[in-house]
PDB file of N, CA and C in Angstrom:
ATOM      1  N   MET A   1      13.653  -8.592 -10.246  1.00  0.00           N
ATOM      2  CA  MET A   1      12.710  -7.850  -9.410  1.00  0.00           C
ATOM      3  C   MET A   1      11.689  -8.841  -8.865  1.00  0.00           C
ATOM      4  N   THR A   2      11.367  -8.713  -7.603  1.00  0.00           N
ATOM      5  CA  THR A   2      10.400  -9.586  -6.940  1.00  0.00           C
ATOM      6  C   THR A   2       9.023  -8.942  -6.975  1.00  0.00           C
ATOM      7  N   TYR A   3       7.997  -9.748  -7.207  1.00  0.00           N
ATOM      8  CA  TYR A   3       6.606  -9.278  -7.244  1.00  0.00           C
ATOM      9  C   TYR A   3       5.796 -10.048  -6.200  1.00  0.00           C
ATOM     10  N   ARG A   4       4.960  -9.328  -5.460  1.00  0.00           N
ATOM     11  CA  ARG A   4       4.041  -9.954  -4.516  1.00  0.00           C
ATOM     12  C   ARG A   4       2.717  -9.183  -4.549  1.00  0.00           C
ATOM     13  N   SER A   5       1.635  -9.893  -4.287  1.00  0.00           N
ATOM     14  CA  SER A   5       0.330  -9.244  -4.141  1.00  0.00           C
ATOM     15  C   SER A   5      -0.416  -9.930  -3.000  1.00  0.00           C
ATOM     16  N   THR A   6      -1.407  -9.222  -2.469  1.00  0.00           N
ATOM     17  CA  THR A   6      -2.216  -9.785  -1.388  1.00  0.00           C
ATOM     18  C   THR A   6      -3.548  -9.056  -1.334  1.00  0.00           C
ATOM     19  N   THR A   7      -4.473  -9.633  -0.615  1.00  0.00           N
ATOM     20  CA  THR A   7      -5.754  -8.991  -0.341  1.00  0.00           C
ATOM     21  C   THR A   7      -5.759  -8.521   1.104  1.00  0.00           C
ATOM     22  N   LEU A   8      -6.012  -7.243   1.295  1.00  0.00           N
ATOM     23  CA  LEU A   8      -6.112  -6.662   2.634  1.00  0.00           C
ATOM     24  C   LEU A   8      -7.583  -6.630   3.037  1.00  0.00           C
ATOM     25  N   TRP A   9      -7.878  -7.097   4.228  1.00  0.00           N
ATOM     26  CA  TRP A   9      -9.247  -7.127   4.739  1.00  0.00           C
ATOM     27  C   TRP A   9      -9.423  -6.059   5.809  1.00  0.00           C
ATOM     28  N   LEU A  10     -10.493  -5.271   5.684  1.00  0.00           N
ATOM     29  CA  LEU A  10     -10.828  -4.338   6.746  1.00  0.00           C
ATOM     30  C   LEU A  10     -11.422  -5.125   7.912  1.00  0.00           C
ATOM     31  N   PRO A  11     -11.401  -4.540   9.115  1.00  0.00           N
ATOM     32  CA  PRO A  11     -11.874  -5.265  10.302  1.00  0.00           C
ATOM     33  C   PRO A  11     -13.317  -5.766  10.229  1.00  0.00           C
ATOM     34  N   ASP A  12     -14.155  -5.162   9.370  1.00  0.00           N
ATOM     35  CA  ASP A  12     -15.547  -5.634   9.283  1.00  0.00           C
ATOM     36  C   ASP A  12     -15.651  -7.003   8.610  1.00  0.00           C
ATOM     37  N   GLY A  13     -14.545  -7.488   8.024  1.00  0.00           N
ATOM     38  CA  GLY A  13     -14.526  -8.800   7.397  1.00  0.00           C
ATOM     39  C   GLY A  13     -15.275  -8.875   6.083  1.00  0.00           C
ATOM     40  N   LYS A  14     -15.709  -7.739   5.561  1.00  0.00           N
ATOM     41  CA  LYS A  14     -16.496  -7.713   4.324  1.00  0.00           C
ATOM     42  C   LYS A  14     -15.798  -6.956   3.198  1.00  0.00           C
ATOM     43  N   ARG A  15     -15.088  -5.902   3.541  1.00  0.00           N
ATOM     44  CA  ARG A  15     -14.480  -5.050   2.514  1.00  0.00           C
ATOM     45  C   ARG A  15     -12.984  -5.352   2.383  1.00  0.00           C
ATOM     46  N   THR A  16     -12.497  -5.235   1.142  1.00  0.00           N
ATOM     47  CA  THR A  16     -11.115  -5.587   0.847  1.00  0.00           C
ATOM     48  C   THR A  16     -10.471  -4.600  -0.114  1.00  0.00           C
ATOM     49  N   ALA A  17      -9.165  -4.736  -0.226  1.00  0.00           N
ATOM     50  CA  ALA A  17      -8.391  -4.077  -1.273  1.00  0.00           C
ATOM     51  C   ALA A  17      -7.308  -5.060  -1.700  1.00  0.00           C
ATOM     52  N   THR A  18      -7.121  -5.205  -2.994  1.00  0.00           N
ATOM     53  CA  THR A  18      -6.067  -6.067  -3.523  1.00  0.00           C
ATOM     54  C   THR A  18      -4.906  -5.180  -3.936  1.00  0.00           C
ATOM     55  N   VAL A  19      -3.769  -5.376  -3.277  1.00  0.00           N
ATOM     56  CA  VAL A  19      -2.598  -4.519  -3.483  1.00  0.00           C
ATOM     57  C   VAL A  19      -1.427  -5.362  -3.981  1.00  0.00           C
ATOM     58  N   TRP A  20      -0.436  -4.682  -4.553  1.00  0.00           N
ATOM     59  CA  TRP A  20       0.753  -5.368  -5.045  1.00  0.00           C
ATOM     60  C   TRP A  20       1.968  -4.461  -4.901  1.00  0.00           C
ATOM     61  N   ARG A  21       3.144  -5.075  -4.945  1.00  0.00           N
ATOM     62  CA  ARG A  21       4.383  -4.304  -4.949  1.00  0.00           C
ATOM     63  C   ARG A  21       5.498  -5.133  -5.586  1.00  0.00           C
ATOM     64  N   THR A  22       6.450  -4.437  -6.143  1.00  0.00           N
ATOM     65  CA  THR A  22       7.654  -5.061  -6.670  1.00  0.00           C
ATOM     66  C   THR A  22       8.839  -4.402  -5.978  1.00  0.00           C
ATOM     67  N   TRP A  23       9.970  -5.106  -5.946  1.00  0.00           N
ATOM     68  CA  TRP A  23      11.149  -4.498  -5.351  1.00  0.00           C
ATOM     69  C   TRP A  23      12.414  -5.208  -5.783  1.00  0.00           C
ATOM     70  N   TYR A  24      13.479  -4.456  -5.713  1.00  0.00           N
ATOM     71  CA  TYR A  24      14.828  -5.013  -5.782  1.00  0.00           C
ATOM     72  C   TYR A  24      15.678  -4.216  -4.810  1.00  0.00           C
ATOM     73  N   ARG A  25      16.726  -4.836  -4.347  1.00  0.00           N
ATOM     74  CA  ARG A  25      17.575  -4.221  -3.331  1.00  0.00           C
ATOM     75  C   ARG A  25      18.937  -3.904  -3.927  1.00  0.00           C
ATOM     76  N   ASN A  26      19.351  -2.665  -3.780  1.00  0.00           N
ATOM     77  CA  ASN A  26      20.675  -2.244  -4.238  1.00  0.00           C
ATOM     78  C   ASN A  26      21.741  -2.650  -3.238  1.00  0.00           C
ATOM     79  N   SER A  27      22.980  -2.507  -3.637  1.00  0.00           N
ATOM     80  CA  SER A  27      24.095  -2.842  -2.752  1.00  0.00           C
ATOM     81  C   SER A  27      24.115  -1.971  -1.497  1.00  0.00           C
ATOM     82  N   ASP A  28      23.463  -0.799  -1.556  1.00  0.00           N
ATOM     83  CA  ASP A  28      23.400   0.080  -0.384  1.00  0.00           C
ATOM     84  C   ASP A  28      22.330  -0.361   0.618  1.00  0.00           C
ATOM     85  N   GLY A  29      21.585  -1.429   0.289  1.00  0.00           N
ATOM     86  CA  GLY A  29      20.573  -1.950   1.195  1.00  0.00           C
ATOM     87  C   GLY A  29      19.213  -1.299   1.059  1.00  0.00           C
ATOM     88  N   ARG A  30      19.092  -0.326   0.183  1.00  0.00           N
ATOM     89  CA  ARG A  30      17.808   0.354  -0.016  1.00  0.00           C
ATOM     90  C   ARG A  30      17.002  -0.350  -1.105  1.00  0.00           C
ATOM     91  N   TYR A  31      15.665  -0.226  -0.994  1.00  0.00           N
ATOM     92  CA  TYR A  31      14.766  -0.877  -1.937  1.00  0.00           C
ATOM     93  C   TYR A  31      14.249   0.108  -2.973  1.00  0.00           C
ATOM     94  N   HIS A  32      14.009  -0.429  -4.156  1.00  0.00           N
ATOM     95  CA  HIS A  32      13.482   0.332  -5.285  1.00  0.00           C
ATOM     96  C   HIS A  32      12.415  -0.533  -5.950  1.00  0.00           C
ATOM     97  N   GLY A  33      11.370   0.076  -6.472  1.00  0.00           N
ATOM     98  CA  GLY A  33      10.351  -0.724  -7.141  1.00  0.00           C
ATOM     99  C   GLY A  33       9.080   0.058  -7.408  1.00  0.00           C
ATOM    100  N   HIS A  34       7.974  -0.693  -7.477  1.00  0.00           N
ATOM    101  CA  HIS A  34       6.669  -0.133  -7.801  1.00  0.00           C
ATOM    102  C   HIS A  34       5.607  -0.729  -6.876  1.00  0.00           C
ATOM    103  N   TYR A  35       4.452  -0.065  -6.820  1.00  0.00           N
ATOM    104  CA  TYR A  35       3.338  -0.544  -6.014  1.00  0.00           C
ATOM    105  C   TYR A  35       2.040   0.005  -6.577  1.00  0.00           C
ATOM    106  N   GLY A  36       0.931  -0.561  -6.138  1.00  0.00           N
ATOM    107  CA  GLY A  36      -0.375  -0.085  -6.561  1.00  0.00           C
ATOM    108  C   GLY A  36      -1.457  -0.990  -6.023  1.00  0.00           C
ATOM    109  N   PHE A  37      -2.681  -0.793  -6.529  1.00  0.00           N
ATOM    110  CA  PHE A  37      -3.778  -1.681  -6.154  1.00  0.00           C
ATOM    111  C   PHE A  37      -4.637  -1.938  -7.370  1.00  0.00           C
ATOM    112  N   THR A  38      -5.163  -3.139  -7.439  1.00  0.00           N
ATOM    113  CA  THR A  38      -5.945  -3.546  -8.603  1.00  0.00           C
ATOM    114  C   THR A  38      -7.444  -3.522  -8.342  1.00  0.00           C
ATOM    115  N   ALA A  39      -7.840  -3.491  -7.076  1.00  0.00           N
ATOM    116  CA  ALA A  39      -9.263  -3.441  -6.743  1.00  0.00           C
ATOM    117  C   ALA A  39      -9.433  -2.987  -5.304  1.00  0.00           C
ATOM    118  N   ALA A  40     -10.548  -2.307  -5.039  1.00  0.00           N
ATOM    119  CA  ALA A  40     -10.906  -1.912  -3.675  1.00  0.00           C
ATOM    120  C   ALA A  40     -12.427  -1.884  -3.573  1.00  0.00           C
ATOM    121  N   SER A  41     -12.935  -2.395  -2.482  1.00  0.00           N
ATOM    122  CA  SER A  41     -14.377  -2.369  -2.246  1.00  0.00           C
ATOM    123  C   SER A  41     -14.869  -0.926  -2.179  1.00  0.00           C
ATOM    124  N   HIS A  42     -16.165  -0.756  -2.411  1.00  0.00           N
ATOM    125  CA  HIS A  42     -16.777   0.570  -2.298  1.00  0.00           C
ATOM    126  C   HIS A  42     -16.535   1.117  -0.891  1.00  0.00           C
ATOM    127  N   GLY A  43     -16.093   2.353  -0.803  1.00  0.00           N
ATOM    128  CA  GLY A  43     -15.864   2.988   0.493  1.00  0.00           C
ATOM    129  C   GLY A  43     -14.516   2.679   1.109  1.00  0.00           C
ATOM    130  N   VAL A  44     -13.606   2.085   0.328  1.00  0.00           N
ATOM    131  CA  VAL A  44     -12.268   1.739   0.837  1.00  0.00           C
ATOM    132  C   VAL A  44     -11.208   2.528   0.077  1.00  0.00           C
ATOM    133  N   SER A  45     -10.261   3.081   0.814  1.00  0.00           N
ATOM    134  CA  SER A  45      -9.130   3.804   0.236  1.00  0.00           C
ATOM    135  C   SER A  45      -7.844   3.072   0.567  1.00  0.00           C
ATOM    136  N   VAL A  46      -6.849   3.211  -0.317  1.00  0.00           N
ATOM    137  CA  VAL A  46      -5.566   2.520  -0.153  1.00  0.00           C
ATOM    138  C   VAL A  46      -4.474   3.564   0.075  1.00  0.00           C
ATOM    139  N   TYR A  47      -3.522   3.215   0.958  1.00  0.00           N
ATOM    140  CA  TYR A  47      -2.422   4.106   1.324  1.00  0.00           C
ATOM    141  C   TYR A  47      -1.104   3.343   1.288  1.00  0.00           C
ATOM    142  N   VAL A  48      -0.015   4.093   1.140  1.00  0.00           N
ATOM    143  CA  VAL A  48       1.323   3.515   1.224  1.00  0.00           C
ATOM    144  C   VAL A  48       2.109   4.281   2.285  1.00  0.00           C
ATOM    145  N   VAL A  49       2.951   3.559   3.010  1.00  0.00           N
ATOM    146  CA  VAL A  49       3.873   4.163   3.972  1.00  0.00           C
ATOM    147  C   VAL A  49       5.280   3.980   3.418  1.00  0.00           C
ATOM    148  N   LEU A  50       5.968   5.094   3.189  1.00  0.00           N
ATOM    149  CA  LEU A  50       7.363   5.088   2.733  1.00  0.00           C
ATOM    150  C   LEU A  50       8.217   5.487   3.931  1.00  0.00           C
ATOM    151  N   TRP A  51       8.899   4.507   4.509  1.00  0.00           N
ATOM    152  CA  TRP A  51       9.563   4.722   5.794  1.00  0.00           C
ATOM    153  C   TRP A  51      10.728   5.692   5.732  1.00  0.00           C
ATOM    154  N   THR A  52      11.607   5.543   4.774  1.00  0.00           N
ATOM    155  CA  THR A  52      12.779   6.428   4.711  1.00  0.00           C
ATOM    156  C   THR A  52      12.353   7.867   4.438  1.00  0.00           C
ATOM    157  N   SER A  53      11.366   8.033   3.570  1.00  0.00           N
ATOM    158  CA  SER A  53      10.851   9.371   3.261  1.00  0.00           C
ATOM    159  C   SER A  53       9.946   9.907   4.351  1.00  0.00           C
ATOM    160  N   ASP A  54       9.544   9.046   5.297  1.00  0.00           N
ATOM    161  CA  ASP A  54       8.653   9.421   6.388  1.00  0.00           C
ATOM    162  C   ASP A  54       7.357  10.019   5.854  1.00  0.00           C
ATOM    163  N   LYS A  55       6.734   9.300   4.891  1.00  0.00           N
ATOM    164  CA  LYS A  55       5.501   9.777   4.279  1.00  0.00           C
ATOM    165  C   LYS A  55       4.454   8.677   4.255  1.00  0.00           C
ATOM    166  N   THR A  56       3.200   9.077   4.438  1.00  0.00           N
ATOM    167  CA  THR A  56       2.059   8.219   4.181  1.00  0.00           C
ATOM    168  C   THR A  56       1.268   8.888   3.073  1.00  0.00           C
ATOM    169  N   LYS A  57       1.028   8.146   1.984  1.00  0.00           N
ATOM    170  CA  LYS A  57       0.377   8.732   0.815  1.00  0.00           C
ATOM    171  C   LYS A  57      -0.899   7.970   0.476  1.00  0.00           C
ATOM    172  N   TYR A  58      -1.900   8.718   0.082  1.00  0.00           N
ATOM    173  CA  TYR A  58      -3.143   8.161  -0.436  1.00  0.00           C
ATOM    174  C   TYR A  58      -2.924   7.779  -1.899  1.00  0.00           C
ATOM    175  N   LEU A  59      -3.391   6.611  -2.303  1.00  0.00           N
ATOM    176  CA  LEU A  59      -3.298   6.186  -3.701  1.00  0.00           C
ATOM    177  C   LEU A  59      -4.665   6.409  -4.356  1.00  0.00           C
ATOM    178  N   PRO A  60      -4.786   7.431  -5.197  1.00  0.00           N
ATOM    179  CA  PRO A  60      -6.100   7.798  -5.714  1.00  0.00           C
ATOM    180  C   PRO A  60      -6.624   6.944  -6.865  1.00  0.00           C
ATOM    181  N   THR A  61      -5.752   6.221  -7.572  1.00  0.00           N
ATOM    182  CA  THR A  61      -6.180   5.605  -8.818  1.00  0.00           C
ATOM    183  C   THR A  61      -5.971   4.097  -8.847  1.00  0.00           C
ATOM    184  N   GLU A  62      -7.061   3.356  -8.937  1.00  0.00           N
ATOM    185  CA  GLU A  62      -6.997   1.903  -9.091  1.00  0.00           C
ATOM    186  C   GLU A  62      -6.344   1.570 -10.430  1.00  0.00           C
ATOM    187  N   GLY A  63      -5.428   0.610 -10.419  1.00  0.00           N
ATOM    188  CA  GLY A  63      -4.762   0.182 -11.644  1.00  0.00           C
ATOM    189  C   GLY A  63      -3.541   0.990 -12.028  1.00  0.00           C
ATOM    190  N   LYS A  64      -3.273   2.089 -11.337  1.00  0.00           N
ATOM    191  CA  LYS A  64      -2.105   2.910 -11.645  1.00  0.00           C
ATOM    192  C   LYS A  64      -0.864   2.338 -10.954  1.00  0.00           C
ATOM    193  N   THR A  65       0.283   2.469 -11.603  1.00  0.00           N
ATOM    194  CA  THR A  65       1.552   2.034 -11.024  1.00  0.00           C
ATOM    195  C   THR A  65       2.271   3.238 -10.435  1.00  0.00           C
ATOM    196  N   TYR A  66       2.674   3.110  -9.176  1.00  0.00           N
ATOM    197  CA  TYR A  66       3.432   4.144  -8.480  1.00  0.00           C
ATOM    198  C   TYR A  66       4.841   3.609  -8.257  1.00  0.00           C
ATOM    199  N   SER A  67       5.818   4.486  -8.200  1.00  0.00           N
ATOM    200  CA  SER A  67       7.191   4.013  -8.028  1.00  0.00           C
ATOM    201  C   SER A  67       7.821   4.608  -6.773  1.00  0.00           C
ATOM    202  N   TYR A  68       8.875   3.939  -6.303  1.00  0.00           N
ATOM    203  CA  TYR A  68       9.632   4.428  -5.154  1.00  0.00           C
ATOM    204  C   TYR A  68      11.088   4.044  -5.335  1.00  0.00           C
ATOM    205  N   SER A  69      11.948   4.755  -4.623  1.00  0.00           N
ATOM    206  CA  SER A  69      13.375   4.413  -4.639  1.00  0.00           C
ATOM    207  C   SER A  69      14.010   4.861  -3.336  1.00  0.00           C
ATOM    208  N   ASP A  70      15.090   4.194  -2.993  1.00  0.00           N
ATOM    209  CA  ASP A  70      15.861   4.510  -1.785  1.00  0.00           C
ATOM    210  C   ASP A  70      15.040   4.442  -0.507  1.00  0.00           C
ATOM    211  N   GLU A  71      14.179   3.439  -0.390  1.00  0.00           N
ATOM    212  CA  GLU A  71      13.372   3.256   0.818  1.00  0.00           C
ATOM    213  C   GLU A  71      13.871   2.038   1.593  1.00  0.00           C
ATOM    214  N   SER A  72      13.801   2.112   2.920  1.00  0.00           N
ATOM    215  CA  SER A  72      14.161   0.962   3.748  1.00  0.00           C
ATOM    216  C   SER A  72      12.991  -0.007   3.857  1.00  0.00           C
ATOM    217  N   THR A  73      11.764   0.519   3.885  1.00  0.00           N
ATOM    218  CA  THR A  73      10.559  -0.294   3.987  1.00  0.00           C
ATOM    219  C   THR A  73       9.418   0.412   3.270  1.00  0.00           C
ATOM    220  N   VAL A  74       8.589  -0.364   2.585  1.00  0.00           N
ATOM    221  CA  VAL A  74       7.381   0.143   1.935  1.00  0.00           C
ATOM    222  C   VAL A  74       6.232  -0.744   2.379  1.00  0.00           C
ATOM    223  N   GLN A  75       5.182  -0.141   2.935  1.00  0.00           N
ATOM    224  CA  GLN A  75       4.027  -0.906   3.409  1.00  0.00           C
ATOM    225  C   GLN A  75       2.748  -0.318   2.832  1.00  0.00           C
ATOM    226  N   LEU A  76       1.800  -1.189   2.526  1.00  0.00           N
ATOM    227  CA  LEU A  76       0.493  -0.773   2.028  1.00  0.00           C
ATOM    228  C   LEU A  76      -0.569  -1.121   3.057  1.00  0.00           C
ATOM    229  N   PHE A  77      -1.615  -0.308   3.134  1.00  0.00           N
ATOM    230  CA  PHE A  77      -2.758  -0.620   3.986  1.00  0.00           C
ATOM    231  C   PHE A  77      -4.006   0.007   3.395  1.00  0.00           C
ATOM    232  N   ALA A  78      -5.160  -0.463   3.845  1.00  0.00           N
ATOM    233  CA  ALA A  78      -6.444   0.029   3.353  1.00  0.00           C
ATOM    234  C   ALA A  78      -7.302   0.471   4.532  1.00  0.00           C
ATOM    235  N   CYS A  79      -8.132   1.494   4.294  1.00  0.00           N
ATOM    236  CA  CYS A  79      -8.982   2.036   5.349  1.00  0.00           C
ATOM    237  C   CYS A  79     -10.357   2.394   4.798  1.00  0.00           C
ATOM    238  N   ASP A  80     -11.305   2.471   5.717  1.00  0.00           N
ATOM    239  CA  ASP A  80     -12.597   3.053   5.404  1.00  0.00           C
ATOM    240  C   ASP A  80     -12.346   4.483   4.938  1.00  0.00           C
ATOM    241  N   ASN A  81     -13.177   4.992   4.055  1.00  0.00           N
ATOM    242  CA  ASN A  81     -12.967   6.342   3.514  1.00  0.00           C
ATOM    243  C   ASN A  81     -12.956   7.439   4.563  1.00  0.00           C
ATOM    244  N   SER A  82     -13.415   7.181   5.783  1.00  0.00           N
ATOM    245  CA  SER A  82     -13.425   8.209   6.817  1.00  0.00           C
ATOM    246  C   SER A  82     -12.069   8.360   7.505  1.00  0.00           C
ATOM    247  N   TYR A  83     -11.071   7.517   7.168  1.00  0.00           N
ATOM    248  CA  TYR A  83      -9.715   7.640   7.725  1.00  0.00           C
ATOM    249  C   TYR A  83      -9.174   9.022   7.392  1.00  0.00           C
ATOM    250  N   PRO A  84      -8.457   9.736   8.251  1.00  0.00           N
ATOM    251  CA  PRO A  84      -7.909   9.296   9.524  1.00  0.00           C
ATOM    252  C   PRO A  84      -8.807   9.561  10.722  1.00  0.00           C
ATOM    253  N   ASN A  85     -10.069   9.917  10.487  1.00  0.00           N
ATOM    254  CA  ASN A  85     -10.969  10.179  11.606  1.00  0.00           C
ATOM    255  C   ASN A  85     -11.551   8.900  12.197  1.00  0.00           C
ATOM    256  N   ASP A  86     -11.316   7.792  11.543  1.00  0.00           N
ATOM    257  CA  ASP A  86     -11.823   6.499  11.986  1.00  0.00           C
ATOM    258  C   ASP A  86     -10.674   5.509  11.883  1.00  0.00           C
ATOM    259  N   GLU A  87     -10.576   4.595  12.800  1.00  0.00           N
ATOM    260  CA  GLU A  87      -9.475   3.633  12.814  1.00  0.00           C
ATOM    261  C   GLU A  87      -9.863   2.304  12.162  1.00  0.00           C
ATOM    262  N   ASP A  88     -10.791   2.345  11.230  1.00  0.00           N
ATOM    263  CA  ASP A  88     -11.266   1.145  10.553  1.00  0.00           C
ATOM    264  C   ASP A  88     -10.329   0.819   9.399  1.00  0.00           C
ATOM    265  N   CYS A  89      -9.141   0.252   9.717  1.00  0.00           N
ATOM    266  CA  CYS A  89      -8.105  -0.009   8.721  1.00  0.00           C
ATOM    267  C   CYS A  89      -7.633  -1.460   8.791  1.00  0.00           C
ATOM    268  N   SER A  90      -7.079  -1.898   7.686  1.00  0.00           N
ATOM    269  CA  SER A  90      -6.440  -3.213   7.661  1.00  0.00           C
ATOM    270  C   SER A  90      -5.088  -3.120   8.337  1.00  0.00           C
ATOM    271  N   SER A  91      -4.467  -4.255   8.547  1.00  0.00           N
ATOM    272  CA  SER A  91      -3.069  -4.235   8.990  1.00  0.00           C
ATOM    273  C   SER A  91      -2.194  -3.832   7.805  1.00  0.00           C
ATOM    274  N   THR A  92      -0.983  -3.396   8.073  1.00  0.00           N
ATOM    275  CA  THR A  92      -0.080  -3.020   6.988  1.00  0.00           C
ATOM    276  C   THR A  92       0.536  -4.264   6.375  1.00  0.00           C
ATOM    277  N   TRP A  93       0.908  -4.134   5.117  1.00  0.00           N
ATOM    278  CA  TRP A  93       1.562  -5.224   4.400  1.00  0.00           C
ATOM    279  C   TRP A  93       2.694  -4.672   3.563  1.00  0.00           C
TER     280      TRP A  93
END
Protein backbone atom coordinates (compact mmCIF):
# COMPACT_ATOMS: atom_id res chain seq x y z
CA MET A 1 0.00 0.00 0.00
CA THR A 2 1.31 3.45 -0.91
CA TYR A 3 1.14 6.34 1.59
CA ARG A 4 1.37 10.05 0.80
CA SER A 5 0.68 13.22 2.77
CA THR A 6 0.77 16.92 1.97
CA THR A 7 -0.13 20.33 3.32
CA LEU A 8 -2.95 22.13 1.52
CA TRP A 9 -2.81 25.93 1.59
CA LEU A 10 -5.88 28.12 1.36
CA PRO A 11 -5.59 31.10 -1.02
CA ASP A 12 -4.97 33.54 1.87
CA GLY A 13 -1.53 31.90 2.27
CA LYS A 14 -2.00 31.64 6.04
CA ARG A 15 -4.33 28.72 6.74
CA THR A 16 -3.57 25.08 6.03
CA ALA A 17 -4.73 21.51 6.38
CA THR A 18 -2.42 18.50 6.50
CA VAL A 19 -4.02 15.56 4.70
CA TRP A 20 -2.98 12.02 3.87
CA ARG A 21 -4.12 9.02 1.85
CA THR A 22 -3.13 5.44 1.20
CA TRP A 23 -4.00 3.31 -1.79
CA TYR A 24 -3.49 0.11 -3.67
CA ARG A 25 -4.78 -0.78 -7.10
CA ASN A 26 -6.62 -4.00 -7.86
CA SER A 27 -6.38 -5.88 -11.13
CA ASP A 28 -9.67 -4.21 -12.14
CA GLY A 29 -7.90 -0.82 -12.08
CA ARG A 30 -9.88 0.53 -9.14
CA TYR A 31 -8.26 2.01 -6.04
CA HIS A 32 -8.81 1.02 -2.43
CA GLY A 33 -7.37 2.59 0.70
CA HIS A 34 -7.75 5.16 3.46
CA TYR A 35 -7.60 8.93 3.91
CA GLY A 36 -7.87 11.59 6.58
CA PHE A 37 -6.30 14.74 7.98
CA THR A 38 -3.97 15.26 10.89
CA ALA A 39 -4.34 19.02 11.35
CA ALA A 40 -6.37 21.98 10.10
CA SER A 41 -6.11 25.67 10.91
CA HIS A 42 -8.93 27.33 12.82
CA GLY A 43 -11.84 27.98 10.45
CA VAL A 44 -10.75 25.36 7.88
CA SER A 45 -12.74 22.28 6.87
CA VAL A 46 -11.48 19.27 4.90
CA TYR A 47 -13.38 17.42 2.15
CA VAL A 48 -12.86 14.37 -0.04
CA VAL A 49 -14.05 13.82 -3.61
CA LEU A 50 -14.81 10.19 -4.50
CA TRP A 51 -15.06 10.19 -8.28
CA THR A 52 -16.61 6.80 -9.02
CA SER A 53 -19.19 7.27 -6.27
CA ASP A 54 -19.76 10.85 -7.48
CA LYS A 55 -19.66 12.17 -3.90
CA THR A 56 -18.04 15.06 -2.07
CA LYS A 57 -17.89 14.44 1.67
CA TYR A 58 -17.03 16.64 4.62
CA LEU A 59 -14.49 15.06 7.00
CA PRO A 60 -15.65 16.04 10.49
CA THR A 61 -12.93 14.52 12.67
CA GLU A 62 -9.22 15.35 12.76
CA GLY A 63 -7.11 12.22 13.23
CA LYS A 64 -9.85 9.81 12.12
CA THR A 65 -9.18 7.27 9.36
CA TYR A 66 -11.76 7.02 6.57
CA SER A 67 -11.79 4.23 4.01
CA TYR A 68 -12.78 3.86 0.36
CA SER A 69 -12.94 1.12 -2.23
CA ASP A 70 -13.61 0.73 -5.93
CA GLU A 71 -12.79 4.36 -6.76
CA SER A 72 -11.09 5.61 -9.93
CA THR A 73 -9.82 8.78 -8.23
CA VAL A 74 -9.81 10.15 -4.67
CA GLN A 75 -8.97 13.82 -4.07
CA LEU A 76 -8.77 15.89 -0.89
CA PHE A 77 -9.21 19.64 -0.54
CA ALA A 78 -9.65 22.22 2.22
CA CYS A 79 -11.93 25.26 2.42
CA ASP A 80 -12.87 28.14 4.64
CA ASN A 81 -15.75 27.06 6.89
CA SER A 82 -18.17 29.17 4.82
CA TYR A 83 -17.86 26.72 1.85
CA PRO A 84 -19.85 26.14 -0.37
CA ASN A 85 -21.03 29.75 -0.11
CA ASP A 86 -17.47 30.99 -0.51
CA GLU A 87 -14.85 29.81 -2.99
CA ASP A 88 -11.95 30.18 -0.55
CA CYS A 89 -10.55 26.66 -1.11
CA SER A 90 -7.25 24.98 -1.74
CA SER A 91 -6.56 23.09 -4.93
CA THR A 92 -7.45 19.40 -4.87
CA TRP A 93 -4.85 16.78 -4.12
